[in-house]
Amino acid sequence: MSIFFVISGYLITSILLREREQTETINLREFYVRRADRIFPAALVFMAVAIVLFWPLFRWYHIAAGLLYVANYDLTRPWVFGHLWSLSIEEEFYFLWPGVLKRWYRHRVAIVIGVLLVAPMWKAAMIYLKVSWGAWAFPALADNLAIGCLLAIFAPRSPRVNPCWAFAMALAAMRVQFFTADTAARTLLLLIVLKPVFYVSLAGVLLHVVQTPYRVLNWRPVGLAGADQLQSVAEAILRGSPYALGVFGPSGRRLRMSFLLPH
């Protein structure tokens, strides 16, 4: 799921920065109208059908959380709403970032770096305090989006990433996913060192693909599939857990983390 958040941060920030360069401002109204037109129809149809077909599974607060895009905080949501956690994270990002970028444009780099520094501390604190929804909260996954935002800011003046470096970063990212955080020290290593390496590696691979478009990416069937459709498929497959965090299970249960929790 991390790669989709990184891509989202990169694409949205690139769009906003391009508009800022061309018009010297960011039209928030137009941005939200475009996002609503792109997301709301399909999302609302899906939710309506799911509620009708699985009505006995729902309580009013499940429906409210889905409609308000805060489903990532509703850990008791029915399985059919399981993948809405990622859509909620995206919508929260859309709600916050454009306004922040418009208001504090000169401090954009500092803000993004601040998010990258705060996110690991948030995750460690949520584990220690036994806050089960902490893994699904926006601050826990904001660093995924933030690295994409940072890439969009620096991409125009970044050196080319050669294929060897891109391949090495892809291997590094995959290797981090298999790291086992089974002690306090290894968990801190994961959150503070390896996860940042993971995000930077994803950003490097993305930058390489942007700089060197591969023919397969321009293949017509891939183009017809569209980024949104691919993301929807991935969300459906990965709806069980924010795997990139590697800390909580499908229902927010802590995995092998008792060593970090107060007794």
C-alpha atoms as a PDB file:
ATOM      1  CA  MET A   1       0.000   0.000   0.000  1.00  0.00           C
ATOM      2  CA  SER A   2       2.919   2.340   0.666  1.00  0.00           C
ATOM      3  CA  ILE A   3       3.772   2.711  -3.013  1.00  0.00           C
ATOM      4  CA  PHE A   4       0.279   4.011  -3.776  1.00  0.00           C
ATOM      5  CA  PHE A   5       0.504   6.591  -1.001  1.00  0.00           C
ATOM      6  CA  VAL A   6       3.934   7.700  -2.254  1.00  0.00           C
ATOM      7  CA  ILE A   7       2.596   8.019  -5.812  1.00  0.00           C
ATOM      8  CA  SER A   8      -0.447   9.921  -4.548  1.00  0.00           C
ATOM      9  CA  GLY A   9       1.699  12.378  -2.598  1.00  0.00           C
ATOM     10  CA  TYR A  10       3.891  12.897  -5.648  1.00  0.00           C
ATOM     11  CA  LEU A  11       1.047  13.370  -8.140  1.00  0.00           C
ATOM     12  CA  ILE A  12      -1.120  15.657  -6.008  1.00  0.00           C
ATOM     13  CA  THR A  13       1.828  17.834  -5.004  1.00  0.00           C
ATOM     14  CA  SER A  14       3.045  18.028  -8.603  1.00  0.00           C
ATOM     15  CA  ILE A  15      -0.396  19.218  -9.706  1.00  0.00           C
ATOM     16  CA  LEU A  16      -0.553  21.818  -6.950  1.00  0.00           C
ATOM     17  CA  LEU A  17       2.986  23.077  -7.579  1.00  0.00           C
ATOM     18  CA  ARG A  18       2.347  23.363 -11.314  1.00  0.00           C
ATOM     19  CA  GLU A  19      -0.772  25.413 -10.646  1.00  0.00           C
ATOM     20  CA  ARG A  20       1.150  27.601  -8.187  1.00  0.00           C
ATOM     21  CA  GLU A  21       3.864  28.272 -10.771  1.00  0.00           C
ATOM     22  CA  GLN A  22       1.366  29.113 -13.509  1.00  0.00           C
ATOM     23  CA  THR A  23      -1.130  31.211 -11.516  1.00  0.00           C
ATOM     24  CA  GLU A  24       0.840  32.207  -8.395  1.00  0.00           C
ATOM     25  CA  THR A  25      -1.894  30.676  -6.245  1.00  0.00           C
ATOM     26  CA  ILE A  26      -3.767  27.415  -5.603  1.00  0.00           C
ATOM     27  CA  ASN A  27      -7.494  27.385  -6.255  1.00  0.00           C
ATOM     28  CA  LEU A  28      -8.782  25.171  -3.454  1.00  0.00           C
ATOM     29  CA  ARG A  29     -12.355  25.203  -4.701  1.00  0.00           C
ATOM     30  CA  GLU A  30     -11.388  23.844  -8.116  1.00  0.00           C
ATOM     31  CA  PHE A  31      -9.125  21.259  -6.518  1.00  0.00           C
ATOM     32  CA  TYR A  32     -11.895  19.898  -4.290  1.00  0.00           C
ATOM     33  CA  VAL A  33     -14.432  19.929  -7.112  1.00  0.00           C
ATOM     34  CA  ARG A  34     -12.064  17.836  -9.248  1.00  0.00           C
ATOM     35  CA  ARG A  35     -11.379  15.409  -6.411  1.00  0.00           C
ATOM     36  CA  ALA A  36     -15.081  15.064  -5.586  1.00  0.00           C
ATOM     37  CA  ASP A  37     -15.964  14.450  -9.216  1.00  0.00           C
ATOM     38  CA  ARG A  38     -13.262  11.804  -9.478  1.00  0.00           C
ATOM     39  CA  ILE A  39     -13.895   9.921  -6.238  1.00  0.00           C
ATOM     40  CA  PHE A  40     -17.350  10.520  -4.768  1.00  0.00           C
ATOM     41  CA  PRO A  41     -19.597   8.919  -7.444  1.00  0.00           C
ATOM     42  CA  ALA A  42     -17.869   5.526  -7.420  1.00  0.00           C
ATOM     43  CA  ALA A  43     -17.317   5.581  -3.648  1.00  0.00           C
ATOM     44  CA  LEU A  44     -20.932   6.472  -2.868  1.00  0.00           C
ATOM     45  CA  VAL A  45     -22.293   3.820  -5.232  1.00  0.00           C
ATOM     46  CA  PHE A  46     -20.037   1.208  -3.641  1.00  0.00           C
ATOM     47  CA  MET A  47     -21.083   2.190  -0.118  1.00  0.00           C
ATOM     48  CA  ALA A  48     -24.786   2.255  -1.012  1.00  0.00           C
ATOM     49  CA  VAL A  49     -24.653  -1.225  -2.570  1.00  0.00           C
ATOM     50  CA  ALA A  50     -22.611  -2.613   0.330  1.00  0.00           C
ATOM     51  CA  ILE A  51     -25.010  -1.196   2.931  1.00  0.00           C
ATOM     52  CA  VAL A  52     -28.054  -2.605   1.148  1.00  0.00           C
ATOM     53  CA  LEU A  53     -26.556  -6.066   0.624  1.00  0.00           C
ATOM     54  CA  PHE A  54     -24.996  -6.390   4.084  1.00  0.00           C
ATOM     55  CA  TRP A  55     -27.361  -4.264   6.161  1.00  0.00           C
ATOM     56  CA  PRO A  56     -27.327  -6.561   9.238  1.00  0.00           C
ATOM     57  CA  LEU A  57     -23.578  -6.005   9.605  1.00  0.00           C
ATOM     58  CA  PHE A  58     -23.839  -2.232   9.899  1.00  0.00           C
ATOM     59  CA  ARG A  59     -24.402   0.204  12.721  1.00  0.00           C
ATOM     60  CA  TRP A  60     -25.058   3.876  12.137  1.00  0.00           C
ATOM     61  CA  TYR A  61     -21.517   4.840  13.121  1.00  0.00           C
ATOM     62  CA  HIS A  62     -20.020   2.494  10.493  1.00  0.00           C
ATOM     63  CA  ILE A  63     -22.018   4.280   7.813  1.00  0.00           C
ATOM     64  CA  ALA A  64     -21.165   7.717   9.215  1.00  0.00           C
ATOM     65  CA  ALA A  65     -17.446   6.890   9.340  1.00  0.00           C
ATOM     66  CA  GLY A  66     -17.526   5.704   5.739  1.00  0.00           C
ATOM     67  CA  LEU A  67     -19.416   8.747   4.454  1.00  0.00           C
ATOM     68  CA  LEU A  68     -17.183  11.168   6.375  1.00  0.00           C
ATOM     69  CA  TYR A  69     -13.985   9.364   5.298  1.00  0.00           C
ATOM     70  CA  VAL A  70     -12.816   8.577   8.790  1.00  0.00           C
ATOM     71  CA  ALA A  71     -13.252   4.815   8.414  1.00  0.00           C
ATOM     72  CA  ASN A  72      -9.588   4.363   9.337  1.00  0.00           C
ATOM     73  CA  TYR A  73     -10.559   5.188  12.946  1.00  0.00           C
ATOM     74  CA  ASP A  74     -13.480   2.735  13.003  1.00  0.00           C
ATOM     75  CA  LEU A  75     -11.825  -0.563  13.877  1.00  0.00           C
ATOM     76  CA  THR A  76     -15.182  -2.348  14.230  1.00  0.00           C
ATOM     77  CA  ARG A  77     -16.286  -1.614  10.670  1.00  0.00           C
ATOM     78  CA  PRO A  78     -17.720  -4.585   8.724  1.00  0.00           C
ATOM     79  CA  TRP A  79     -15.362  -6.477   6.460  1.00  0.00           C
ATOM     80  CA  VAL A  80     -17.095  -5.108   3.376  1.00  0.00           C
ATOM     81  CA  PHE A  81     -15.914  -1.626   4.417  1.00  0.00           C
ATOM     82  CA  GLY A  82     -12.455  -2.943   5.262  1.00  0.00           C
ATOM     83  CA  HIS A  83     -10.577  -1.263   2.402  1.00  0.00           C
ATOM     84  CA  LEU A  84     -12.103   2.170   3.142  1.00  0.00           C
ATOM     85  CA  TRP A  85      -9.261   2.838   5.589  1.00  0.00           C
ATOM     86  CA  SER A  86      -6.923   3.666   2.694  1.00  0.00           C
ATOM     87  CA  LEU A  87      -9.490   5.839   0.916  1.00  0.00           C
ATOM     88  CA  SER A  88     -10.032   7.701   4.181  1.00  0.00           C
ATOM     89  CA  ILE A  89      -6.293   8.347   4.499  1.00  0.00           C
ATOM     90  CA  GLU A  90      -6.291   9.721   0.949  1.00  0.00           C
ATOM     91  CA  GLU A  91      -9.271  11.989   1.615  1.00  0.00           C
ATOM     92  CA  GLU A  92      -7.708  13.299   4.825  1.00  0.00           C
ATOM     93  CA  PHE A  93      -4.573  14.078   2.836  1.00  0.00           C
ATOM     94  CA  TYR A  94      -6.624  15.918   0.203  1.00  0.00           C
ATOM     95  CA  PHE A  95      -8.377  17.865   2.941  1.00  0.00           C
ATOM     96  CA  LEU A  96      -5.186  18.985   4.710  1.00  0.00           C
ATOM     97  CA  TRP A  97      -2.308  19.309   2.257  1.00  0.00           C
ATOM     98  CA  PRO A  98      -3.595  21.743  -0.418  1.00  0.00           C
ATOM     99  CA  GLY A  99      -4.587  24.347   2.176  1.00  0.00           C
ATOM    100  CA  VAL A 100      -1.331  23.929   4.087  1.00  0.00           C
ATOM    101  CA  LEU A 101       0.693  24.229   0.879  1.00  0.00           C
ATOM    102  CA  LYS A 102      -1.207  27.344  -0.187  1.00  0.00           C
ATOM    103  CA  ARG A 103      -0.933  29.051   3.219  1.00  0.00           C
ATOM    104  CA  TRP A 104       2.681  28.148   4.025  1.00  0.00           C
ATOM    105  CA  TYR A 105       4.148  27.652   0.554  1.00  0.00           C
ATOM    106  CA  ARG A 106       7.544  29.094   1.509  1.00  0.00           C
ATOM    107  CA  HIS A 107       7.865  26.563   4.319  1.00  0.00           C
ATOM    108  CA  ARG A 108       6.758  23.543   2.288  1.00  0.00           C
ATOM    109  CA  VAL A 109      10.042  21.664   2.618  1.00  0.00           C
ATOM    110  CA  ALA A 110      10.246  22.203   6.375  1.00  0.00           C
ATOM    111  CA  ILE A 111       6.641  21.082   6.818  1.00  0.00           C
ATOM    112  CA  VAL A 112       7.157  17.876   4.849  1.00  0.00           C
ATOM    113  CA  ILE A 113      10.395  17.058   6.673  1.00  0.00           C
ATOM    114  CA  GLY A 114       8.602  17.715   9.959  1.00  0.00           C
ATOM    115  CA  VAL A 115       5.964  15.138   9.024  1.00  0.00           C
ATOM    116  CA  LEU A 116       8.682  12.626   8.164  1.00  0.00           C
ATOM    117  CA  LEU A 117      10.239  13.152  11.596  1.00  0.00           C
ATOM    118  CA  VAL A 118       7.015  13.081  13.603  1.00  0.00           C
ATOM    119  CA  ALA A 119       5.438   9.980  12.012  1.00  0.00           C
ATOM    120  CA  PRO A 120       7.899   7.419  13.498  1.00  0.00           C
ATOM    121  CA  MET A 121       7.502   9.004  16.934  1.00  0.00           C
ATOM    122  CA  TRP A 122       3.721   8.786  16.598  1.00  0.00           C
ATOM    123  CA  LYS A 123       3.926   5.085  15.721  1.00  0.00           C
ATOM    124  CA  ALA A 124       6.221   4.293  18.654  1.00  0.00           C
ATOM    125  CA  ALA A 125       3.996   6.241  21.046  1.00  0.00           C
ATOM    126  CA  MET A 126       0.834   4.493  19.849  1.00  0.00           C
ATOM    127  CA  ILE A 127       2.448   1.087  20.384  1.00  0.00           C
ATOM    128  CA  TYR A 128       3.676   2.004  23.853  1.00  0.00           C
ATOM    129  CA  LEU A 129       0.339   3.510  24.910  1.00  0.00           C
ATOM    130  CA  LYS A 130      -1.653   0.558  23.530  1.00  0.00           C
ATOM    131  CA  VAL A 131      -3.749   2.773  21.253  1.00  0.00           C
ATOM    132  CA  SER A 132      -5.143   0.248  18.802  1.00  0.00           C
ATOM    133  CA  TRP A 133      -6.417   2.792  16.267  1.00  0.00           C
ATOM    134  CA  GLY A 134      -3.010   4.468  16.178  1.00  0.00           C
ATOM    135  CA  ALA A 135      -1.800   2.302  13.285  1.00  0.00           C
ATOM    136  CA  TRP A 136      -4.703   3.471  11.142  1.00  0.00           C
ATOM    137  CA  ALA A 137      -4.570   7.160  12.082  1.00  0.00           C
ATOM    138  CA  PHE A 138      -3.462   9.700   9.507  1.00  0.00           C
ATOM    139  CA  PRO A 139      -0.224  10.618  11.364  1.00  0.00           C
ATOM    140  CA  ALA A 140       0.864   6.974  11.294  1.00  0.00           C
ATOM    141  CA  LEU A 141       0.839   6.864   7.497  1.00  0.00           C
ATOM    142  CA  ALA A 142       1.521  10.504   6.701  1.00  0.00           C
ATOM    143  CA  ASP A 143       5.197   9.791   6.074  1.00  0.00           C
ATOM    144  CA  ASN A 144       4.229   7.591   3.102  1.00  0.00           C
ATOM    145  CA  LEU A 145       2.513  10.584   1.537  1.00  0.00           C
ATOM    146  CA  ALA A 146       5.128  13.071   2.704  1.00  0.00           C
ATOM    147  CA  ILE A 147       7.999  11.356   0.888  1.00  0.00           C
ATOM    148  CA  GLY A 148       5.973  11.616  -2.316  1.00  0.00           C
ATOM    149  CA  CYS A 149       5.362  15.303  -1.622  1.00  0.00           C
ATOM    150  CA  LEU A 150       9.073  15.856  -1.033  1.00  0.00           C
ATOM    151  CA  LEU A 151       9.904  14.056  -4.263  1.00  0.00           C
ATOM    152  CA  ALA A 152       7.526  16.334  -6.191  1.00  0.00           C
ATOM    153  CA  ILE A 153       9.238  19.401  -4.734  1.00  0.00           C
ATOM    154  CA  PHE A 154      12.759  18.315  -5.666  1.00  0.00           C
ATOM    155  CA  ALA A 155      12.156  16.138  -8.740  1.00  0.00           C
ATOM    156  CA  PRO A 156      12.550  18.935 -11.330  1.00  0.00           C
ATOM    157  CA  ARG A 157      16.121  19.606 -10.200  1.00  0.00           C
ATOM    158  CA  SER A 158      17.091  16.086  -9.151  1.00  0.00           C
ATOM    159  CA  PRO A 159      19.827  14.176 -11.013  1.00  0.00           C
ATOM    160  CA  ARG A 160      18.835  11.208 -13.118  1.00  0.00           C
ATOM    161  CA  VAL A 161      18.570   7.894 -11.302  1.00  0.00           C
ATOM    162  CA  ASN A 162      20.322   5.233 -13.362  1.00  0.00           C
ATOM    163  CA  PRO A 163      18.819   1.743 -13.655  1.00  0.00           C
ATOM    164  CA  CYS A 164      21.417   0.162 -11.368  1.00  0.00           C
ATOM    165  CA  TRP A 165      20.609   2.541  -8.540  1.00  0.00           C
ATOM    166  CA  ALA A 166      16.872   2.078  -9.128  1.00  0.00           C
ATOM    167  CA  PHE A 167      17.277  -1.701  -8.999  1.00  0.00           C
ATOM    168  CA  ALA A 168      19.321  -1.454  -5.791  1.00  0.00           C
ATOM    169  CA  MET A 169      16.673   0.759  -4.184  1.00  0.00           C
ATOM    170  CA  ALA A 170      13.924  -1.653  -5.237  1.00  0.00           C
ATOM    171  CA  LEU A 171      15.828  -4.503  -3.591  1.00  0.00           C
ATOM    172  CA  ALA A 172      16.345  -2.418  -0.437  1.00  0.00           C
ATOM    173  CA  ALA A 173      12.633  -1.635  -0.245  1.00  0.00           C
ATOM    174  CA  MET A 174      11.707  -5.291  -0.621  1.00  0.00           C
ATOM    175  CA  ARG A 175      14.278  -6.349   1.962  1.00  0.00           C
ATOM    176  CA  VAL A 176      12.870  -3.972   4.580  1.00  0.00           C
ATOM    177  CA  GLN A 177       9.446  -5.586   4.182  1.00  0.00           C
ATOM    178  CA  PHE A 178      10.852  -8.872   5.473  1.00  0.00           C
ATOM    179  CA  PHE A 179      12.541  -7.351   8.530  1.00  0.00           C
ATOM    180  CA  THR A 180      11.154  -8.832  11.761  1.00  0.00           C
ATOM    181  CA  ALA A 181      10.636  -6.389  14.612  1.00  0.00           C
ATOM    182  CA  ASP A 182      10.592  -8.894  17.482  1.00  0.00           C
ATOM    183  CA  THR A 183      12.468  -6.860  20.102  1.00  0.00           C
ATOM    184  CA  ALA A 184      12.250  -3.280  21.301  1.00  0.00           C
ATOM    185  CA  ALA A 185      15.583  -2.414  19.708  1.00  0.00           C
ATOM    186  CA  ARG A 186      14.639  -3.962  16.367  1.00  0.00           C
ATOM    187  CA  THR A 187      11.284  -2.161  16.396  1.00  0.00           C
ATOM    188  CA  LEU A 188      12.970   1.183  16.953  1.00  0.00           C
ATOM    189  CA  LEU A 189      15.460   0.318  14.205  1.00  0.00           C
ATOM    190  CA  LEU A 190      12.545  -0.422  11.896  1.00  0.00           C
ATOM    191  CA  LEU A 191      10.632   2.768  12.684  1.00  0.00           C
ATOM    192  CA  ILE A 192      13.528   5.206  12.847  1.00  0.00           C
ATOM    193  CA  VAL A 193      16.017   3.831  10.296  1.00  0.00           C
ATOM    194  CA  LEU A 194      14.642   1.138   8.012  1.00  0.00           C
ATOM    195  CA  LYS A 195      11.245   2.634   7.254  1.00  0.00           C
ATOM    196  CA  PRO A 196      12.807   5.946   6.144  1.00  0.00           C
ATOM    197  CA  VAL A 197      15.184   3.919   3.942  1.00  0.00           C
ATOM    198  CA  PHE A 198      12.137   2.095   2.586  1.00  0.00           C
ATOM    199  CA  TYR A 199      10.310   5.335   1.728  1.00  0.00           C
ATOM    200  CA  VAL A 200      13.380   6.944   0.160  1.00  0.00           C
ATOM    201  CA  SER A 201      13.926   3.800  -1.905  1.00  0.00           C
ATOM    202  CA  LEU A 202      10.335   3.889  -3.158  1.00  0.00           C
ATOM    203  CA  ALA A 203      10.743   7.557  -4.027  1.00  0.00           C
ATOM    204  CA  GLY A 204      13.981   6.822  -5.884  1.00  0.00           C
ATOM    205  CA  VAL A 205      12.356   4.081  -7.942  1.00  0.00           C
ATOM    206  CA  LEU A 206       9.409   6.358  -8.704  1.00  0.00           C
ATOM    207  CA  LEU A 207      11.762   9.155  -9.769  1.00  0.00           C
ATOM    208  CA  HIS A 208      13.594   6.749 -12.058  1.00  0.00           C
ATOM    209  CA  VAL A 209      10.333   5.678 -13.698  1.00  0.00           C
ATOM    210  CA  VAL A 210       9.286   9.323 -14.138  1.00  0.00           C
ATOM    211  CA  GLN A 211      12.638  10.220 -15.663  1.00  0.00           C
ATOM    212  CA  THR A 212      12.845   7.095 -17.818  1.00  0.00           C
ATOM    213  CA  PRO A 213       9.352   5.980 -18.870  1.00  0.00           C
ATOM    214  CA  TYR A 214       9.435   2.316 -19.799  1.00  0.00           C
ATOM    215  CA  ARG A 215       7.635   1.125 -22.897  1.00  0.00           C
ATOM    216  CA  VAL A 216       5.450  -1.273 -20.911  1.00  0.00           C
ATOM    217  CA  LEU A 217       3.983   1.690 -19.024  1.00  0.00           C
ATOM    218  CA  ASN A 218       2.773   3.123 -22.324  1.00  0.00           C
ATOM    219  CA  TRP A 219       1.299  -0.193 -23.432  1.00  0.00           C
ATOM    220  CA  ARG A 220      -2.356   0.414 -24.282  1.00  0.00           C
ATOM    221  CA  PRO A 221      -3.884  -2.183 -21.906  1.00  0.00           C
ATOM    222  CA  VAL A 222      -1.925  -0.635 -19.011  1.00  0.00           C
ATOM    223  CA  GLY A 223      -3.098   2.816 -20.005  1.00  0.00           C
ATOM    224  CA  LEU A 224      -6.700   1.655 -20.246  1.00  0.00           C
ATOM    225  CA  ALA A 225      -6.477   0.144 -16.796  1.00  0.00           C
ATOM    226  CA  GLY A 226      -5.735   3.575 -15.330  1.00  0.00           C
ATOM    227  CA  ALA A 227      -4.075   4.462 -12.059  1.00  0.00           C
ATOM    228  CA  ASP A 228      -7.354   4.654 -10.157  1.00  0.00           C
ATOM    229  CA  GLN A 229      -8.455   1.181 -11.225  1.00  0.00           C
ATOM    230  CA  LEU A 230      -5.085  -0.316 -10.318  1.00  0.00           C
ATOM    231  CA  GLN A 231      -5.241   1.354  -6.925  1.00  0.00           C
ATOM    232  CA  SER A 232      -8.743   0.027  -6.312  1.00  0.00           C
ATOM    233  CA  VAL A 233      -7.621  -3.530  -7.082  1.00  0.00           C
ATOM    234  CA  ALA A 234      -4.621  -3.197  -4.797  1.00  0.00           C
ATOM    235  CA  GLU A 235      -6.753  -1.765  -2.003  1.00  0.00           C
ATOM    236  CA  ALA A 236      -9.192  -4.667  -2.299  1.00  0.00           C
ATOM    237  CA  ILE A 237      -6.351  -7.174  -2.101  1.00  0.00           C
ATOM    238  CA  LEU A 238      -4.543  -5.425   0.749  1.00  0.00           C
ATOM    239  CA  ARG A 239      -7.576  -4.218   2.688  1.00  0.00           C
ATOM    240  CA  GLY A 240      -6.720  -6.299   5.727  1.00  0.00           C
ATOM    241  CA  SER A 241      -3.892  -4.206   7.153  1.00  0.00           C
ATOM    242  CA  PRO A 242      -1.643  -1.211   6.567  1.00  0.00           C
ATOM    243  CA  TYR A 243       1.255  -3.596   5.889  1.00  0.00           C
ATOM    244  CA  ALA A 244       3.762  -0.811   5.487  1.00  0.00           C
ATOM    245  CA  LEU A 245       3.531  -0.114   9.211  1.00  0.00           C
ATOM    246  CA  GLY A 246       4.268  -3.736  10.028  1.00  0.00           C
ATOM    247  CA  VAL A 247       3.023  -3.357  13.599  1.00  0.00           C
ATOM    248  CA  PHE A 248      -0.717  -4.027  13.836  1.00  0.00           C
ATOM    249  CA  GLY A 249      -2.834  -6.894  12.574  1.00  0.00           C
ATOM    250  CA  PRO A 250      -6.055  -6.733  10.528  1.00  0.00           C
ATOM    251  CA  SER A 251      -8.239  -5.660  13.470  1.00  0.00           C
ATOM    252  CA  GLY A 252      -5.697  -3.390  15.070  1.00  0.00           C
ATOM    253  CA  ARG A 253      -4.287  -6.166  17.259  1.00  0.00           C
ATOM    254  CA  ARG A 254      -0.672  -5.709  18.226  1.00  0.00           C
ATOM    255  CA  LEU A 255       1.728  -8.298  16.791  1.00  0.00           C
ATOM    256  CA  ARG A 256       4.801  -9.369  18.739  1.00  0.00           C
ATOM    257  CA  MET A 257       4.958  -6.000  20.465  1.00  0.00           C
ATOM    258  CA  SER A 258       4.427  -6.849  24.137  1.00  0.00           C
ATOM    259  CA  PHE A 259       7.983  -5.823  24.911  1.00  0.00           C
ATOM    260  CA  LEU A 260       7.097  -2.191  24.124  1.00  0.00           C
ATOM    261  CA  LEU A 261       3.870  -2.057  26.107  1.00  0.00           C
ATOM    262  CA  PRO A 262       3.629  -0.924  29.734  1.00  0.00           C
ATOM    263  CA  HIS A 263       2.340  -3.612  32.121  1.00  0.00           C
END
